[in-house]
Amino acid sequence: MTEYPYEKASVNIGRLEAEIGADETITTDLSHINWKQPDSLSIFFDGTLSGGEVTALDAVVAAHGGTPLTEYTRICQQCGCHFTVPGLSAPTVCEICGCEDLIEISDVPDHSLIDIGDFTEKTAPHADDVLMIEDSEDSNKKKKLKINALHVPWILNVFQTSGVLFPNNDDGFCHIGGDGAISSFEARTQIQMPKGRAIAIQGRCTGGSGTFTLRKNGEDTDITGVVDEVGQFRIFDSVEFADGDLLSLYYDSGVGWTVYGIQIQFESEVI
């Protein structure tokens, strides 16, 4: 370790360390700085400085004014964090997420003076519109979210009785929300759906066998399957529905069995 003594009446050690670190000519590692009033300054390095480094250090010490480092407050527009750091110059990288999308605190409007009623309302949102959220699973960091990523889960109860017997040869269309009755007229059982996707038929049964098929606009979809085991069942796939499409559920009977409730899982899009 090598000491380099100076006479300096006004010293701010934090700023002087930063100024030495910012000088590209000085490559030897700085160890520490001692300063004792009125003017005793000692700068210690891990090794011996070269002639060029000594010249650069002399210039840094001579220019040093003894004022504290400037504190810079910034807001990250990527993760929403707010931080203040001292430095010779303003930070360019977020300390939290590492991005470079920073703005000065003075450039942020006083949100306490903003009334949401003053904003222009968009009456026809688009799927690519972006919302701001706080991620509850990631320390409430502020993040952006596209509207098309939002889905509202629906559970459509086909019936919820204690047990409905589907006898042999009793095929037809199920009344969604009814008591398990079967109709031969599909139009009487269809329901109009919002934009979204059906993802499964699930239920519980005892004995027998049968086939359930989800239909869209009077045609079979890929959500179809034979149910022939006692217990819970789930027929899974994904079928897209446009706003206004008609959904119905067809039962093709097999061997008489008893079903305890059937549900259709559906995810509707926000728009």
C-alpha atoms as a PDB file:
ATOM      1  CA  MET A   1       0.000   0.000   0.000  1.00  0.00           C
ATOM      2  CA  THR A   2       1.369   3.442  -0.953  1.00  0.00           C
ATOM      3  CA  GLU A   3       0.427   6.785   0.636  1.00  0.00           C
ATOM      4  CA  TYR A   4       0.235  10.022  -1.314  1.00  0.00           C
ATOM      5  CA  PRO A   5       0.009  13.046   1.017  1.00  0.00           C
ATOM      6  CA  TYR A   6      -1.454  16.445   0.126  1.00  0.00           C
ATOM      7  CA  GLU A   7      -2.427  19.669   1.823  1.00  0.00           C
ATOM      8  CA  LYS A   8      -6.112  20.346   1.193  1.00  0.00           C
ATOM      9  CA  ALA A   9      -8.343  22.477   3.395  1.00  0.00           C
ATOM     10  CA  SER A  10     -11.735  21.385   2.007  1.00  0.00           C
ATOM     11  CA  VAL A  11     -12.371  17.731   1.206  1.00  0.00           C
ATOM     12  CA  ASN A  12     -15.447  15.583   0.639  1.00  0.00           C
ATOM     13  CA  ILE A  13     -14.158  12.029   0.723  1.00  0.00           C
ATOM     14  CA  GLY A  14     -17.124  10.535  -1.183  1.00  0.00           C
ATOM     15  CA  ARG A  15     -16.762  12.970  -4.066  1.00  0.00           C
ATOM     16  CA  LEU A  16     -12.962  12.677  -4.139  1.00  0.00           C
ATOM     17  CA  GLU A  17     -13.211   8.859  -4.331  1.00  0.00           C
ATOM     18  CA  ALA A  18     -15.664   9.203  -7.217  1.00  0.00           C
ATOM     19  CA  GLU A  19     -13.441  11.739  -9.017  1.00  0.00           C
ATOM     20  CA  ILE A  20     -10.388   9.488  -8.715  1.00  0.00           C
ATOM     21  CA  GLY A  21     -12.428   6.503  -9.910  1.00  0.00           C
ATOM     22  CA  ALA A  22     -13.684   8.482 -12.912  1.00  0.00           C
ATOM     23  CA  ASP A  23     -10.169   9.372 -14.105  1.00  0.00           C
ATOM     24  CA  GLU A  24      -9.226   6.785 -16.733  1.00  0.00           C
ATOM     25  CA  THR A  25      -5.513   7.491 -16.351  1.00  0.00           C
ATOM     26  CA  ILE A  26      -5.474   6.220 -12.766  1.00  0.00           C
ATOM     27  CA  THR A  27      -5.723   2.424 -13.046  1.00  0.00           C
ATOM     28  CA  THR A  28      -4.160   1.387  -9.731  1.00  0.00           C
ATOM     29  CA  ASP A  29      -6.843   0.436  -7.210  1.00  0.00           C
ATOM     30  CA  LEU A  30      -7.675   3.075  -4.601  1.00  0.00           C
ATOM     31  CA  SER A  31      -7.577   1.708  -1.028  1.00  0.00           C
ATOM     32  CA  HIS A  32      -8.900   4.558   1.145  1.00  0.00           C
ATOM     33  CA  ILE A  33      -8.677   8.275   1.904  1.00  0.00           C
ATOM     34  CA  ASN A  34      -7.928   9.999   5.222  1.00  0.00           C
ATOM     35  CA  TRP A  35      -8.491  13.698   5.832  1.00  0.00           C
ATOM     36  CA  LYS A  36      -7.752  15.563   9.059  1.00  0.00           C
ATOM     37  CA  GLN A  37      -8.529  19.211   9.566  1.00  0.00           C
ATOM     38  CA  PRO A  38      -7.260  21.714   8.874  1.00  0.00           C
ATOM     39  CA  ASP A  39      -5.549  20.467   5.714  1.00  0.00           C
ATOM     40  CA  SER A  40      -3.986  17.001   6.091  1.00  0.00           C
ATOM     41  CA  LEU A  41      -5.058  14.745   3.206  1.00  0.00           C
ATOM     42  CA  SER A  42      -3.641  11.248   2.637  1.00  0.00           C
ATOM     43  CA  ILE A  43      -4.681   9.060  -0.312  1.00  0.00           C
ATOM     44  CA  PHE A  44      -3.740   5.389  -0.166  1.00  0.00           C
ATOM     45  CA  PHE A  45      -3.465   3.040  -3.154  1.00  0.00           C
ATOM     46  CA  ASP A  46      -2.982  -0.737  -3.238  1.00  0.00           C
ATOM     47  CA  GLY A  47       0.181  -0.253  -5.290  1.00  0.00           C
ATOM     48  CA  THR A  48       2.643   2.373  -6.448  1.00  0.00           C
ATOM     49  CA  LEU A  49       1.360   4.864  -9.011  1.00  0.00           C
ATOM     50  CA  SER A  50       3.150   5.445 -12.289  1.00  0.00           C
ATOM     51  CA  GLY A  51       4.411   8.909 -13.191  1.00  0.00           C
ATOM     52  CA  GLY A  52       1.369   9.506 -15.360  1.00  0.00           C
ATOM     53  CA  GLU A  53      -0.962   8.380 -12.615  1.00  0.00           C
ATOM     54  CA  VAL A  54       0.698  10.734 -10.106  1.00  0.00           C
ATOM     55  CA  THR A  55       0.262  13.633 -12.526  1.00  0.00           C
ATOM     56  CA  ALA A  56      -3.415  12.744 -12.991  1.00  0.00           C
ATOM     57  CA  LEU A  57      -3.936  12.402  -9.224  1.00  0.00           C
ATOM     58  CA  ASP A  58      -2.346  15.803  -8.602  1.00  0.00           C
ATOM     59  CA  ALA A  59      -4.773  17.340 -11.117  1.00  0.00           C
ATOM     60  CA  VAL A  60      -7.783  15.612  -9.514  1.00  0.00           C
ATOM     61  CA  VAL A  61      -6.830  16.828  -6.031  1.00  0.00           C
ATOM     62  CA  ALA A  62      -6.193  20.366  -7.263  1.00  0.00           C
ATOM     63  CA  ALA A  63      -9.588  20.536  -9.000  1.00  0.00           C
ATOM     64  CA  HIS A  64     -11.472  18.989  -6.064  1.00  0.00           C
ATOM     65  CA  GLY A  65     -13.779  21.585  -4.503  1.00  0.00           C
ATOM     66  CA  GLY A  66     -14.879  19.702  -1.392  1.00  0.00           C
ATOM     67  CA  THR A  67     -18.598  19.810  -2.214  1.00  0.00           C
ATOM     68  CA  PRO A  68     -20.806  16.734  -1.673  1.00  0.00           C
ATOM     69  CA  LEU A  69     -21.865  14.536  -4.535  1.00  0.00           C
ATOM     70  CA  THR A  70     -25.061  15.568  -6.317  1.00  0.00           C
ATOM     71  CA  GLU A  71     -28.088  13.421  -5.488  1.00  0.00           C
ATOM     72  CA  TYR A  72     -30.056  12.385  -8.550  1.00  0.00           C
ATOM     73  CA  THR A  73     -33.625  11.114  -8.248  1.00  0.00           C
ATOM     74  CA  ARG A  74     -34.982   9.093 -11.126  1.00  0.00           C
ATOM     75  CA  ILE A  75     -38.058   7.043 -12.006  1.00  0.00           C
ATOM     76  CA  CYS A  76     -37.775   3.956 -14.179  1.00  0.00           C
ATOM     77  CA  GLN A  77     -40.468   3.833 -16.823  1.00  0.00           C
ATOM     78  CA  GLN A  78     -39.927   0.105 -17.287  1.00  0.00           C
ATOM     79  CA  CYS A  79     -40.391  -1.274 -13.753  1.00  0.00           C
ATOM     80  CA  GLY A  80     -41.831   1.859 -12.092  1.00  0.00           C
ATOM     81  CA  CYS A  81     -39.219   2.024  -9.320  1.00  0.00           C
ATOM     82  CA  HIS A  82     -38.176   5.325  -7.740  1.00  0.00           C
ATOM     83  CA  PHE A  83     -34.593   5.751  -6.506  1.00  0.00           C
ATOM     84  CA  THR A  84     -32.084   8.415  -5.469  1.00  0.00           C
ATOM     85  CA  VAL A  85     -28.326   7.979  -5.902  1.00  0.00           C
ATOM     86  CA  PRO A  86     -25.356  10.330  -5.289  1.00  0.00           C
ATOM     87  CA  GLY A  87     -22.901  10.737  -8.120  1.00  0.00           C
ATOM     88  CA  LEU A  88     -20.767  12.952 -10.335  1.00  0.00           C
ATOM     89  CA  SER A  89     -23.379  12.623 -13.074  1.00  0.00           C
ATOM     90  CA  ALA A  90     -26.949  11.432 -13.421  1.00  0.00           C
ATOM     91  CA  PRO A  91     -27.525   7.647 -13.525  1.00  0.00           C
ATOM     92  CA  THR A  92     -28.365   6.150 -16.887  1.00  0.00           C
ATOM     93  CA  VAL A  93     -29.281   2.622 -15.758  1.00  0.00           C
ATOM     94  CA  CYS A  94     -32.062   1.538 -13.381  1.00  0.00           C
ATOM     95  CA  GLU A  95     -30.651   0.007 -10.187  1.00  0.00           C
ATOM     96  CA  ILE A  96     -33.579  -2.436 -10.000  1.00  0.00           C
ATOM     97  CA  CYS A  97     -34.176  -3.841 -13.491  1.00  0.00           C
ATOM     98  CA  GLY A  98     -31.060  -2.614 -15.330  1.00  0.00           C
ATOM     99  CA  CYS A  99     -32.930  -0.859 -18.148  1.00  0.00           C
ATOM    100  CA  GLU A 100     -32.039   2.619 -19.458  1.00  0.00           C
ATOM    101  CA  ASP A 101     -35.574   4.032 -19.557  1.00  0.00           C
ATOM    102  CA  LEU A 102     -35.164   6.656 -16.807  1.00  0.00           C
ATOM    103  CA  ILE A 103     -36.799  10.065 -16.350  1.00  0.00           C
ATOM    104  CA  GLU A 104     -36.204  12.877 -13.868  1.00  0.00           C
ATOM    105  CA  ILE A 105     -38.648  13.177 -10.992  1.00  0.00           C
ATOM    106  CA  SER A 106     -39.347  16.737 -12.122  1.00  0.00           C
ATOM    107  CA  ASP A 107     -40.655  15.365 -15.417  1.00  0.00           C
ATOM    108  CA  VAL A 108     -43.333  13.311 -13.657  1.00  0.00           C
ATOM    109  CA  PRO A 109     -46.678  15.099 -13.229  1.00  0.00           C
ATOM    110  CA  ASP A 110     -48.172  15.528  -9.782  1.00  0.00           C
ATOM    111  CA  HIS A 111     -50.750  12.742  -9.950  1.00  0.00           C
ATOM    112  CA  SER A 112     -52.533  14.136  -6.906  1.00  0.00           C
ATOM    113  CA  LEU A 113     -53.641  17.010  -9.135  1.00  0.00           C
ATOM    114  CA  ILE A 114     -54.927  14.745 -11.917  1.00  0.00           C
ATOM    115  CA  ASP A 115     -58.607  13.803 -12.086  1.00  0.00           C
ATOM    116  CA  ILE A 116     -59.294  10.623 -14.040  1.00  0.00           C
ATOM    117  CA  GLY A 117     -62.322  12.411 -15.444  1.00  0.00           C
ATOM    118  CA  ASP A 118     -59.951  14.720 -17.311  1.00  0.00           C
ATOM    119  CA  PHE A 119     -58.641  11.880 -19.474  1.00  0.00           C
ATOM    120  CA  THR A 120     -60.037  11.136 -22.910  1.00  0.00           C
ATOM    121  CA  GLU A 121     -62.083   7.937 -22.816  1.00  0.00           C
ATOM    122  CA  LYS A 122     -61.448   5.267 -25.435  1.00  0.00           C
ATOM    123  CA  THR A 123     -64.832   3.712 -26.129  1.00  0.00           C
ATOM    124  CA  ALA A 124     -63.598   0.940 -28.459  1.00  0.00           C
ATOM    125  CA  PRO A 125     -60.554  -0.715 -26.864  1.00  0.00           C
ATOM    126  CA  HIS A 126     -58.235  -2.761 -29.057  1.00  0.00           C
ATOM    127  CA  ALA A 127     -56.654  -6.062 -28.091  1.00  0.00           C
ATOM    128  CA  ASP A 128     -53.174  -4.481 -28.399  1.00  0.00           C
ATOM    129  CA  ASP A 129     -53.941  -1.604 -26.017  1.00  0.00           C
ATOM    130  CA  VAL A 130     -51.655  -1.615 -22.971  1.00  0.00           C
ATOM    131  CA  LEU A 131     -52.632  -1.273 -19.320  1.00  0.00           C
ATOM    132  CA  MET A 132     -50.374  -0.655 -16.324  1.00  0.00           C
ATOM    133  CA  ILE A 133     -50.556  -3.110 -13.432  1.00  0.00           C
ATOM    134  CA  GLU A 134     -48.772  -3.819 -10.159  1.00  0.00           C
ATOM    135  CA  ASP A 135     -47.525  -7.414 -10.198  1.00  0.00           C
ATOM    136  CA  SER A 136     -48.607  -8.918  -6.858  1.00  0.00           C
ATOM    137  CA  GLU A 137     -46.370 -11.925  -7.527  1.00  0.00           C
ATOM    138  CA  ASP A 138     -43.260  -9.787  -8.054  1.00  0.00           C
ATOM    139  CA  SER A 139     -43.072  -7.265  -5.185  1.00  0.00           C
ATOM    140  CA  ASN A 140     -45.833  -5.117  -6.762  1.00  0.00           C
ATOM    141  CA  LYS A 141     -43.500  -3.937  -9.514  1.00  0.00           C
ATOM    142  CA  LYS A 142     -45.290  -1.885 -12.120  1.00  0.00           C
ATOM    143  CA  LYS A 143     -45.600  -3.693 -15.436  1.00  0.00           C
ATOM    144  CA  LYS A 144     -47.512  -3.333 -18.677  1.00  0.00           C
ATOM    145  CA  LEU A 145     -50.165  -5.757 -19.829  1.00  0.00           C
ATOM    146  CA  LYS A 146     -51.950  -6.070 -23.159  1.00  0.00           C
ATOM    147  CA  ILE A 147     -55.724  -6.250 -22.999  1.00  0.00           C
ATOM    148  CA  ASN A 148     -55.754  -9.405 -25.101  1.00  0.00           C
ATOM    149  CA  ALA A 149     -53.968 -11.223 -22.258  1.00  0.00           C
ATOM    150  CA  LEU A 150     -56.974 -10.756 -19.990  1.00  0.00           C
ATOM    151  CA  HIS A 151     -59.600 -13.479 -19.855  1.00  0.00           C
ATOM    152  CA  VAL A 152     -62.634 -13.868 -17.624  1.00  0.00           C
ATOM    153  CA  PRO A 153     -63.293 -17.488 -16.585  1.00  0.00           C
ATOM    154  CA  TRP A 154     -66.871 -18.771 -16.912  1.00  0.00           C
ATOM    155  CA  ILE A 155     -68.343 -21.972 -15.572  1.00  0.00           C
ATOM    156  CA  LEU A 156     -71.511 -22.924 -17.473  1.00  0.00           C
ATOM    157  CA  ASN A 157     -73.581 -25.362 -15.439  1.00  0.00           C
ATOM    158  CA  VAL A 158     -75.351 -27.801 -17.722  1.00  0.00           C
ATOM    159  CA  PHE A 159     -77.245 -29.106 -14.714  1.00  0.00           C
ATOM    160  CA  GLN A 160     -76.672 -29.317 -10.988  1.00  0.00           C
ATOM    161  CA  THR A 161     -79.136 -31.937  -9.723  1.00  0.00           C
ATOM    162  CA  SER A 162     -78.253 -34.714  -7.300  1.00  0.00           C
ATOM    163  CA  GLY A 163     -78.223 -37.217 -10.135  1.00  0.00           C
ATOM    164  CA  VAL A 164     -79.690 -37.330 -13.630  1.00  0.00           C
ATOM    165  CA  LEU A 165     -80.290 -40.693 -15.311  1.00  0.00           C
ATOM    166  CA  PHE A 166     -79.464 -40.744 -19.013  1.00  0.00           C
ATOM    167  CA  PRO A 167     -81.249 -43.894 -20.254  1.00  0.00           C
ATOM    168  CA  ASN A 168     -80.442 -45.885 -23.372  1.00  0.00           C
ATOM    169  CA  ASN A 169     -81.217 -44.205 -26.694  1.00  0.00           C
ATOM    170  CA  ASP A 170     -82.066 -40.895 -24.998  1.00  0.00           C
ATOM    171  CA  ASP A 171     -79.767 -38.758 -27.085  1.00  0.00           C
ATOM    172  CA  GLY A 172     -80.157 -35.085 -27.876  1.00  0.00           C
ATOM    173  CA  PHE A 173     -79.157 -31.601 -26.737  1.00  0.00           C
ATOM    174  CA  CYS A 174     -78.689 -30.706 -23.068  1.00  0.00           C
ATOM    175  CA  HIS A 175     -80.452 -27.705 -21.578  1.00  0.00           C
ATOM    176  CA  ILE A 176     -77.626 -25.624 -20.140  1.00  0.00           C
ATOM    177  CA  GLY A 177     -78.649 -24.420 -16.722  1.00  0.00           C
ATOM    178  CA  GLY A 178     -81.580 -26.820 -16.668  1.00  0.00           C
ATOM    179  CA  ASP A 179     -82.318 -30.046 -14.805  1.00  0.00           C
ATOM    180  CA  GLY A 180     -80.724 -32.475 -17.232  1.00  0.00           C
ATOM    181  CA  ALA A 181     -83.552 -32.628 -19.732  1.00  0.00           C
ATOM    182  CA  ILE A 182     -82.700 -33.615 -23.278  1.00  0.00           C
ATOM    183  CA  SER A 183     -84.177 -31.825 -26.287  1.00  0.00           C
ATOM    184  CA  SER A 184     -84.215 -32.898 -29.910  1.00  0.00           C
ATOM    185  CA  PHE A 185     -84.270 -29.239 -30.964  1.00  0.00           C
ATOM    186  CA  GLU A 186     -80.803 -27.710 -30.776  1.00  0.00           C
ATOM    187  CA  ALA A 187     -82.097 -24.163 -31.204  1.00  0.00           C
ATOM    188  CA  ARG A 188     -83.925 -24.473 -27.860  1.00  0.00           C
ATOM    189  CA  THR A 189     -80.670 -25.199 -26.021  1.00  0.00           C
ATOM    190  CA  GLN A 190     -78.152 -22.917 -27.724  1.00  0.00           C
ATOM    191  CA  ILE A 191     -76.749 -19.957 -25.791  1.00  0.00           C
ATOM    192  CA  GLN A 192     -75.030 -16.918 -27.251  1.00  0.00           C
ATOM    193  CA  MET A 193     -71.417 -16.514 -26.143  1.00  0.00           C
ATOM    194  CA  PRO A 194     -68.984 -13.589 -25.937  1.00  0.00           C
ATOM    195  CA  LYS A 195     -65.590 -13.675 -27.630  1.00  0.00           C
ATOM    196  CA  GLY A 196     -63.415 -16.285 -25.947  1.00  0.00           C
ATOM    197  CA  ARG A 197     -62.648 -19.980 -25.858  1.00  0.00           C
ATOM    198  CA  ALA A 198     -64.190 -23.151 -24.504  1.00  0.00           C
ATOM    199  CA  ILE A 199     -61.554 -25.333 -22.906  1.00  0.00           C
ATOM    200  CA  ALA A 200     -63.266 -28.336 -21.294  1.00  0.00           C
ATOM    201  CA  ILE A 201     -66.343 -30.320 -20.316  1.00  0.00           C
ATOM    202  CA  GLN A 202     -66.140 -31.787 -16.844  1.00  0.00           C
ATOM    203  CA  GLY A 203     -68.456 -33.662 -14.523  1.00  0.00           C
ATOM    204  CA  ARG A 204     -69.056 -36.724 -12.370  1.00  0.00           C
ATOM    205  CA  CYS A 205     -70.904 -39.932 -13.162  1.00  0.00           C
ATOM    206  CA  THR A 206     -71.675 -43.487 -12.025  1.00  0.00           C
ATOM    207  CA  GLY A 207     -71.816 -46.498 -14.342  1.00  0.00           C
ATOM    208  CA  GLY A 208     -72.856 -46.709 -17.980  1.00  0.00           C
ATOM    209  CA  SER A 209     -71.302 -44.819 -20.867  1.00  0.00           C
ATOM    210  CA  GLY A 210     -72.051 -41.979 -23.240  1.00  0.00           C
ATOM    211  CA  THR A 211     -70.516 -39.367 -25.518  1.00  0.00           C
ATOM    212  CA  PHE A 212     -70.587 -35.608 -24.991  1.00  0.00           C
ATOM    213  CA  THR A 213     -69.770 -33.180 -27.799  1.00  0.00           C
ATOM    214  CA  LEU A 214     -69.527 -29.403 -27.531  1.00  0.00           C
ATOM    215  CA  ARG A 215     -70.984 -27.689 -30.593  1.00  0.00           C
ATOM    216  CA  LYS A 216     -70.509 -24.217 -32.058  1.00  0.00           C
ATOM    217  CA  ASN A 217     -73.077 -22.696 -34.391  1.00  0.00           C
ATOM    218  CA  GLY A 218     -74.674 -26.096 -34.950  1.00  0.00           C
ATOM    219  CA  GLU A 219     -71.462 -27.962 -35.754  1.00  0.00           C
ATOM    220  CA  ASP A 220     -69.316 -30.354 -33.716  1.00  0.00           C
ATOM    221  CA  THR A 221     -66.098 -29.036 -32.172  1.00  0.00           C
ATOM    222  CA  ASP A 222     -62.953 -30.884 -31.109  1.00  0.00           C
ATOM    223  CA  ILE A 223     -64.198 -31.044 -27.510  1.00  0.00           C
ATOM    224  CA  THR A 224     -65.803 -34.453 -27.654  1.00  0.00           C
ATOM    225  CA  GLY A 225     -65.254 -37.766 -25.947  1.00  0.00           C
ATOM    226  CA  VAL A 226     -66.730 -40.989 -24.597  1.00  0.00           C
ATOM    227  CA  VAL A 227     -67.299 -41.114 -20.858  1.00  0.00           C
ATOM    228  CA  ASP A 228     -67.440 -44.686 -19.588  1.00  0.00           C
ATOM    229  CA  GLU A 229     -65.824 -44.741 -16.162  1.00  0.00           C
ATOM    230  CA  VAL A 230     -67.222 -44.182 -12.697  1.00  0.00           C
ATOM    231  CA  GLY A 231     -65.980 -40.981 -11.054  1.00  0.00           C
ATOM    232  CA  GLN A 232     -64.928 -37.582 -12.344  1.00  0.00           C
ATOM    233  CA  PHE A 233     -64.272 -36.920 -16.007  1.00  0.00           C
ATOM    234  CA  ARG A 234     -62.824 -34.053 -18.020  1.00  0.00           C
ATOM    235  CA  ILE A 235     -62.832 -33.741 -21.802  1.00  0.00           C
ATOM    236  CA  PHE A 236     -60.208 -31.151 -22.708  1.00  0.00           C
ATOM    237  CA  ASP A 237     -59.373 -29.125 -25.826  1.00  0.00           C
ATOM    238  CA  SER A 238     -59.648 -25.492 -26.905  1.00  0.00           C
ATOM    239  CA  VAL A 239     -62.244 -24.022 -29.245  1.00  0.00           C
ATOM    240  CA  GLU A 240     -62.347 -20.330 -30.141  1.00  0.00           C
ATOM    241  CA  PHE A 241     -65.671 -18.472 -30.106  1.00  0.00           C
ATOM    242  CA  ALA A 242     -66.364 -15.113 -31.744  1.00  0.00           C
ATOM    243  CA  ASP A 243     -68.731 -12.668 -30.123  1.00  0.00           C
ATOM    244  CA  GLY A 244     -72.276 -13.937 -30.761  1.00  0.00           C
ATOM    245  CA  ASP A 245     -71.360 -17.541 -31.619  1.00  0.00           C
ATOM    246  CA  LEU A 246     -73.837 -20.148 -30.363  1.00  0.00           C
ATOM    247  CA  LEU A 247     -72.799 -22.889 -27.942  1.00  0.00           C
ATOM    248  CA  SER A 248     -74.638 -26.151 -27.335  1.00  0.00           C
ATOM    249  CA  LEU A 249     -73.878 -29.552 -25.822  1.00  0.00           C
ATOM    250  CA  TYR A 250     -74.910 -32.800 -27.495  1.00  0.00           C
ATOM    251  CA  TYR A 251     -75.313 -36.126 -25.662  1.00  0.00           C
ATOM    252  CA  ASP A 252     -75.136 -39.332 -27.666  1.00  0.00           C
ATOM    253  CA  SER A 253     -76.461 -42.044 -25.371  1.00  0.00           C
ATOM    254  CA  GLY A 254     -74.815 -45.357 -24.793  1.00  0.00           C
ATOM    255  CA  VAL A 255     -75.563 -47.587 -21.805  1.00  0.00           C
ATOM    256  CA  GLY A 256     -77.853 -46.028 -19.199  1.00  0.00           C
ATOM    257  CA  TRP A 257     -75.935 -44.165 -16.502  1.00  0.00           C
ATOM    258  CA  THR A 258     -76.335 -41.499 -13.863  1.00  0.00           C
ATOM    259  CA  VAL A 259     -74.551 -38.142 -14.112  1.00  0.00           C
ATOM    260  CA  TYR A 260     -74.019 -35.811 -11.160  1.00  0.00           C
ATOM    261  CA  GLY A 261     -73.583 -32.366 -12.661  1.00  0.00           C
ATOM    262  CA  ILE A 262     -71.782 -31.301 -15.818  1.00  0.00           C
ATOM    263  CA  GLN A 263     -69.961 -28.026 -16.375  1.00  0.00           C
ATOM    264  CA  ILE A 264     -68.493 -26.325 -19.446  1.00  0.00           C
ATOM    265  CA  GLN A 265     -65.368 -24.270 -18.795  1.00  0.00           C
ATOM    266  CA  PHE A 266     -65.160 -21.111 -20.875  1.00  0.00           C
ATOM    267  CA  GLU A 267     -62.733 -18.161 -20.863  1.00  0.00           C
ATOM    268  CA  SER A 268     -64.154 -14.940 -22.242  1.00  0.00           C
ATOM    269  CA  GLU A 269     -61.880 -12.161 -23.470  1.00  0.00           C
ATOM    270  CA  VAL A 270     -62.312  -8.698 -22.037  1.00  0.00           C
ATOM    271  CA  ILE A 271     -62.981  -7.342 -25.508  1.00  0.00           C
END
